[in-house]
Structures are given as C-alpha cells and as structure tokens.
Amino acid sequence: MKEYFNDIFALSGRIIKHNLRSVDTMITVVIMPIMIMLGMVYIFGGSIQLQGVQSQDYVDYIMPGILLITIASSSAYTSLRINLDKTRGMFERFKSMPIAKSAVLGGHVVASVIFMLISCAAVLLVGLLIGFRSDASFLEWLMIILFLVLFAFMLTWLSVPFGLMAGGVEGASAFSYVILLLMFVSSAFVPVEGMSKIVRIFAENQPMTPIIQTLRNLFNAQPLTSDAWVSLIWIAAILIISYIAGMKVYRKV
C-alpha cells in the first residue's frame, strides 16, 4: 500500500510540473476565472440588482460560482493530459514499469485535485483584494474546503473517460464546455427566480445550483438546507458512475 501511494504521488508530481511549465494552462485555469470574476464585479455588478444584495457585495454572491468555474476549467486540462498520455504512448510505457496499473490514473486525479485547489486559493486571494468577505466560522470553512475537494474529485473522474475515449486533444476537453454552460444556467450569477419558467425549472434541477447554494450558505454562515444533501447525492452519483466508466475504459486502452 505504501508503494502504491508512492507511485501515485510520483506520477502526480510529473503532471503538476507539466501544468506549472505550461503558460496556456496557467492562463486558462487561473487567469481566466479571475478575469470572469473581475468582469462580473466591475462591468455587470453595478447594473445587476439583487434583492438583499448591494452592488459592493456582489462579489460575495458570485464567489461560489467562480470557484466552481475554476475547478471546471482545470478539469478540461485533466482530460487533455490523459488524452496526451494515451496518444503519445505513455500508458504503454507505464504498463511496462513495476507500478500498479491504477496508479497511473490515480496520479492524474491527485495532481488535478491539488492543482484545482491551488487555483481556487488564487481566486479567493484576488477576491479578498477586491472586497470579498465571509462570515464563515472555522468549521464552516472546513466544510467549504470539503465540498470543493469533493467537487474537484467528481469533475476529475468525470474527465477521465472523456480523455480516454477522445480521438484528439480538442475532443478531450470539450466536455468542460457543458459543465461551464451548467454554471451559467444556475444561481451562480443571478437567482433562478428571475429566469423564464423553462430555464428556471432546468436551473433548479441540475447539479450546479444546489452545490452553489450550499457553498453560499456556508460562506454567509447561514444554516444548511436540503440543498446540502441534494449536492452530496449529485456528487456521489456522478463520482461513482464516472469512476466505474473511467476504469472500464482504461482497462481497454
């Protein structure tokens, strides 16, 4: 077991080094979410009127959605890196080495989650600089981190089968656009109550809205609602299905 985890962390270190050396990755994964946040706050924030939310507090409202967008952006590169390893023959090389076969995917997953959390920390730091404030207690911050970690694992494993099945890097990261679309058709930037009926029904019953609302309640030190349990059910279901699908496809590579 010790050797297995050593293999995972060694392989994850390789992926993290690749990400840190890639300017394109840093721009998409870190800079882009920050630019979206700044644009929403300084371009649209003054024009969007939300009940009970003043314009200077709009950054507090959108922070949960921005953090999830940060993780979603990172998941595209997880899928891309997996696809590159497949198409360049790295999986065959790893299979010839005395390491556990599953450690290869484990390395990708661990590296992805670590990089996602680092990106979220960078976004939070910029948010603090432009006025983001939270009333969350220490316990609530731990719960926020837990939800972000679970969401990161969910999207990372969701990216695995897409990366393995895609014929090229363009298709490997395409699934992330669907995730980003779900973010915008949710309560990330405006309440769902103001949306048209059909869009509102979809927004209320897709996984991103309860996750965002749960994080928002934690940031604001408000009691958790049924959204927290709905979020955990969505995360667990997608994670389990993605893990099974990812391992099944990986065995055939």
Protein backbone atom coordinates (compact mmCIF):
# COMPACT_ATOMS: atom_id res chain seq x y z
CA MET A 1 0.00 0.00 0.00
CA LYS A 2 2.86 2.39 0.81
CA GLU A 3 4.48 1.71 -2.57
CA TYR A 4 1.14 2.20 -4.30
CA PHE A 5 0.69 5.68 -2.83
CA ASN A 6 4.34 6.49 -3.54
CA ASP A 7 3.65 5.64 -7.20
CA ILE A 8 0.57 7.87 -7.24
CA PHE A 9 2.37 10.87 -5.74
CA ALA A 10 5.39 10.40 -8.01
CA LEU A 11 3.15 10.35 -11.08
CA SER A 12 1.08 13.29 -9.80
CA GLY A 13 4.27 15.31 -9.35
CA ARG A 14 5.00 14.76 -13.03
CA ILE A 15 1.61 16.20 -14.04
CA ILE A 16 1.90 19.19 -11.69
CA LYS A 17 5.30 20.04 -13.19
CA HIS A 18 3.79 19.91 -16.68
CA ASN A 19 0.99 22.25 -15.62
CA LEU A 20 3.29 24.75 -13.95
CA ARG A 21 5.50 24.90 -17.05
CA SER A 22 2.54 25.46 -19.39
CA VAL A 23 1.66 29.14 -19.82
CA ASP A 24 -1.53 28.18 -21.65
CA THR A 25 -2.63 26.04 -18.71
CA MET A 26 -1.96 28.78 -16.18
CA ILE A 27 -3.89 31.33 -18.24
CA THR A 28 -6.94 29.10 -18.70
CA VAL A 29 -7.03 27.55 -15.24
CA VAL A 30 -6.07 30.54 -13.05
CA ILE A 31 -6.20 33.78 -15.01
CA MET A 32 -9.47 33.14 -16.87
CA PRO A 33 -11.65 32.55 -13.74
CA ILE A 34 -10.11 35.66 -12.16
CA MET A 35 -10.93 37.69 -15.29
CA ILE A 36 -14.51 36.37 -15.25
CA MET A 37 -14.82 37.41 -11.60
CA LEU A 38 -13.42 40.87 -12.25
CA GLY A 39 -15.64 41.31 -15.29
CA MET A 40 -18.79 40.28 -13.42
CA VAL A 41 -17.97 42.53 -10.46
CA TYR A 42 -16.76 45.67 -12.23
CA ILE A 43 -18.69 45.51 -15.52
CA PHE A 44 -22.00 43.89 -14.63
CA GLY A 45 -22.04 44.14 -10.84
CA GLY A 46 -23.21 47.74 -10.76
CA SER A 47 -26.10 47.04 -13.14
CA ILE A 48 -27.37 43.79 -11.61
CA GLN A 49 -29.87 44.48 -8.83
CA LEU A 50 -30.38 41.56 -6.45
CA GLN A 51 -32.82 41.66 -3.57
CA GLY A 52 -30.89 41.98 -0.32
CA VAL A 53 -27.53 42.25 -2.11
CA GLN A 54 -25.84 45.61 -2.53
CA SER A 55 -23.61 46.21 -5.54
CA GLN A 56 -20.43 46.24 -3.42
CA ASP A 57 -21.41 42.82 -2.03
CA TYR A 58 -21.95 41.23 -5.43
CA VAL A 59 -18.52 39.60 -5.28
CA ASP A 60 -19.70 37.73 -2.17
CA TYR A 61 -22.70 36.44 -4.12
CA ILE A 62 -20.77 35.15 -7.14
CA MET A 63 -17.73 33.71 -5.34
CA PRO A 64 -19.17 30.15 -5.01
CA GLY A 65 -19.89 30.03 -8.74
CA ILE A 66 -16.47 31.44 -9.62
CA LEU A 67 -14.76 28.75 -7.54
CA LEU A 68 -16.70 26.02 -9.32
CA ILE A 69 -15.88 27.58 -12.69
CA THR A 70 -12.20 27.50 -11.66
CA ILE A 71 -12.44 23.78 -10.95
CA ALA A 72 -14.35 23.15 -14.19
CA SER A 73 -11.68 24.96 -16.20
CA SER A 74 -8.99 22.80 -14.60
CA SER A 75 -10.88 19.60 -15.42
CA ALA A 76 -10.50 20.33 -19.14
CA TYR A 77 -6.74 20.08 -18.76
CA THR A 78 -7.06 16.85 -16.80
CA SER A 79 -8.86 15.31 -19.75
CA LEU A 80 -6.32 16.81 -22.13
CA ARG A 81 -3.31 15.45 -20.21
CA ILE A 82 -4.86 11.98 -20.05
CA ASN A 83 -5.51 12.06 -23.79
CA LEU A 84 -1.94 13.14 -24.49
CA ASP A 85 -0.58 10.26 -22.39
CA LYS A 86 -2.77 7.86 -24.36
CA THR A 87 -1.97 9.17 -27.84
CA ARG A 88 1.78 9.55 -27.16
CA GLY A 89 2.15 6.00 -25.84
CA MET A 90 2.83 6.93 -22.22
CA PHE A 91 0.29 4.41 -20.92
CA GLU A 92 2.15 1.59 -22.69
CA ARG A 93 5.42 2.75 -21.12
CA PHE A 94 3.85 2.93 -17.66
CA LYS A 95 2.39 -0.58 -18.07
CA SER A 96 5.90 -1.94 -18.66
CA MET A 97 7.10 -0.47 -15.38
CA PRO A 98 6.78 -2.21 -11.95
CA ILE A 99 3.93 0.02 -10.76
CA ALA A 100 0.25 -0.58 -10.14
CA LYS A 101 -1.79 -0.09 -13.28
CA SER A 102 -4.40 2.03 -11.49
CA ALA A 103 -1.67 4.30 -10.07
CA VAL A 104 -1.38 5.98 -13.47
CA LEU A 105 -4.93 7.31 -13.34
CA GLY A 106 -4.54 7.93 -9.62
CA GLY A 107 -1.60 10.22 -10.36
CA HIS A 108 -3.67 12.22 -12.82
CA VAL A 109 -6.54 12.52 -10.35
CA VAL A 110 -4.40 13.59 -7.38
CA ALA A 111 -2.46 16.12 -9.47
CA SER A 112 -5.69 17.52 -10.86
CA VAL A 113 -7.33 17.97 -7.46
CA ILE A 114 -4.20 19.60 -5.98
CA PHE A 115 -3.92 22.00 -8.92
CA MET A 116 -7.66 22.80 -8.70
CA LEU A 117 -7.36 23.71 -5.02
CA ILE A 118 -4.29 25.87 -5.69
CA SER A 119 -6.25 27.68 -8.43
CA CYS A 120 -9.18 28.18 -6.05
CA ALA A 121 -6.82 29.65 -3.45
CA ALA A 122 -5.52 32.13 -6.05
CA VAL A 123 -9.08 33.14 -6.97
CA LEU A 124 -10.01 33.57 -3.30
CA LEU A 125 -6.93 35.73 -2.74
CA VAL A 126 -7.89 38.07 -5.60
CA GLY A 127 -11.45 38.06 -4.32
CA LEU A 128 -10.26 39.22 -0.91
CA LEU A 129 -8.31 42.02 -2.57
CA ILE A 130 -11.41 43.33 -4.37
CA GLY A 131 -13.70 43.13 -1.34
CA PHE A 132 -14.84 39.55 -0.83
CA ARG A 133 -15.67 38.85 2.80
CA SER A 134 -17.09 35.80 4.55
CA ASP A 135 -18.78 35.29 7.91
CA ALA A 136 -17.95 31.57 7.91
CA SER A 137 -16.57 30.04 11.08
CA PHE A 138 -13.59 27.69 11.15
CA LEU A 139 -15.89 24.66 10.94
CA GLU A 140 -17.78 26.18 8.02
CA TRP A 141 -14.52 26.88 6.20
CA LEU A 142 -13.60 23.22 6.66
CA MET A 143 -16.94 22.26 5.15
CA ILE A 144 -16.35 24.66 2.24
CA ILE A 145 -12.98 23.03 1.57
CA LEU A 146 -14.58 19.58 1.83
CA PHE A 147 -17.25 20.47 -0.74
CA LEU A 148 -14.63 21.92 -3.09
CA VAL A 149 -12.48 18.79 -2.76
CA LEU A 150 -15.46 16.51 -3.43
CA PHE A 151 -16.50 18.62 -6.42
CA ALA A 152 -12.92 18.53 -7.71
CA PHE A 153 -12.78 14.74 -7.41
CA MET A 154 -16.15 14.48 -9.15
CA LEU A 155 -15.12 16.58 -12.15
CA THR A 156 -11.69 14.98 -12.31
CA TRP A 157 -13.12 11.48 -12.57
CA LEU A 158 -15.75 12.76 -14.99
CA SER A 159 -12.93 13.98 -17.22
CA VAL A 160 -11.17 10.59 -17.20
CA PRO A 161 -13.45 8.63 -19.59
CA PHE A 162 -13.70 11.64 -21.91
CA GLY A 163 -9.92 11.93 -22.07
CA LEU A 164 -9.51 8.21 -22.72
CA MET A 165 -12.21 7.95 -25.39
CA ALA A 166 -11.45 11.17 -27.30
CA GLY A 167 -9.61 10.88 -30.57
CA GLY A 168 -7.64 14.08 -30.00
CA VAL A 169 -6.99 16.89 -27.57
CA GLU A 170 -9.80 19.02 -28.98
CA GLY A 171 -12.43 16.42 -28.16
CA ALA A 172 -10.84 15.54 -24.83
CA SER A 173 -11.58 18.91 -23.27
CA ALA A 174 -14.91 19.53 -24.99
CA PHE A 175 -16.97 18.14 -22.10
CA SER A 176 -15.85 21.06 -19.90
CA TYR A 177 -17.92 23.43 -22.03
CA VAL A 178 -21.05 21.56 -20.97
CA ILE A 179 -20.05 21.99 -17.32
CA LEU A 180 -19.40 25.70 -17.84
CA LEU A 181 -22.81 26.04 -19.54
CA LEU A 182 -24.44 24.46 -16.48
CA MET A 183 -22.65 27.05 -14.33
CA PHE A 184 -24.14 29.95 -16.25
CA VAL A 185 -27.62 28.39 -16.25
CA SER A 186 -27.66 28.22 -12.46
CA SER A 187 -27.72 30.55 -9.47
CA ALA A 188 -24.01 31.35 -9.92
CA PHE A 189 -24.55 34.96 -11.02
CA VAL A 190 -28.26 35.68 -10.53
CA PRO A 191 -31.09 34.00 -8.60
CA VAL A 192 -33.00 31.39 -10.59
CA GLU A 193 -36.31 33.03 -9.61
CA GLY A 194 -35.78 35.75 -12.20
CA MET A 195 -35.31 33.31 -15.09
CA SER A 196 -38.01 32.29 -17.56
CA LYS A 197 -40.10 29.31 -16.48
CA ILE A 198 -38.45 26.62 -18.61
CA VAL A 199 -34.93 27.85 -17.85
CA ARG A 200 -35.78 28.17 -14.14
CA ILE A 201 -37.04 24.59 -13.95
CA PHE A 202 -33.84 23.35 -15.57
CA ALA A 203 -31.64 25.55 -13.36
CA GLU A 204 -33.35 24.38 -10.18
CA ASN A 205 -32.97 20.69 -11.04
CA GLN A 206 -29.41 20.49 -12.34
CA PRO A 207 -26.47 19.66 -10.03
CA MET A 208 -24.66 23.01 -10.02
CA THR A 209 -27.41 25.10 -8.41
CA PRO A 210 -27.66 23.17 -5.08
CA ILE A 211 -23.87 22.95 -4.84
CA ILE A 212 -23.52 26.70 -5.38
CA GLN A 213 -26.29 27.47 -2.91
CA THR A 214 -24.70 25.20 -0.28
CA LEU A 215 -21.36 26.98 -0.63
CA ARG A 216 -23.11 30.36 -0.50
CA ASN A 217 -24.87 29.40 2.76
CA LEU A 218 -21.55 28.29 4.25
CA PHE A 219 -19.77 31.48 3.22
CA ASN A 220 -22.58 33.54 4.74
CA ALA A 221 -22.71 31.42 7.93
CA GLN A 222 -26.33 30.51 7.23
CA PRO A 223 -27.96 27.20 8.20
CA LEU A 224 -27.63 24.45 5.64
CA THR A 225 -30.79 23.47 3.81
CA SER A 226 -31.82 20.41 1.83
CA ASP A 227 -29.53 21.71 -0.93
CA ALA A 228 -26.56 20.27 1.00
CA TRP A 229 -27.96 16.73 0.86
CA VAL A 230 -29.01 17.13 -2.76
CA SER A 231 -25.49 18.32 -3.55
CA LEU A 232 -23.90 15.32 -1.89
CA ILE A 233 -26.23 12.94 -3.74
CA TRP A 234 -25.38 14.56 -7.09
CA ILE A 235 -21.65 14.50 -6.34
CA ALA A 236 -21.68 10.88 -5.13
CA ALA A 237 -23.75 9.65 -8.09
CA ILE A 238 -21.63 11.38 -10.74
CA LEU A 239 -18.39 10.37 -8.99
CA ILE A 240 -19.33 6.69 -8.77
CA ILE A 241 -20.58 6.49 -12.36
CA SER A 242 -17.53 8.35 -13.67
CA TYR A 243 -15.12 6.16 -11.70
CA ILE A 244 -16.70 2.94 -12.98
CA ALA A 245 -16.78 4.25 -16.57
CA GLY A 246 -13.23 5.58 -16.36
CA MET A 247 -11.74 2.34 -15.03
CA LYS A 248 -13.68 0.27 -17.57
CA VAL A 249 -12.37 2.35 -20.49
CA TYR A 250 -8.85 2.44 -19.04
CA ARG A 251 -8.62 -1.36 -18.96
CA LYS A 252 -9.21 -1.39 -22.71
CA VAL A 253 -6.55 1.21 -23.53
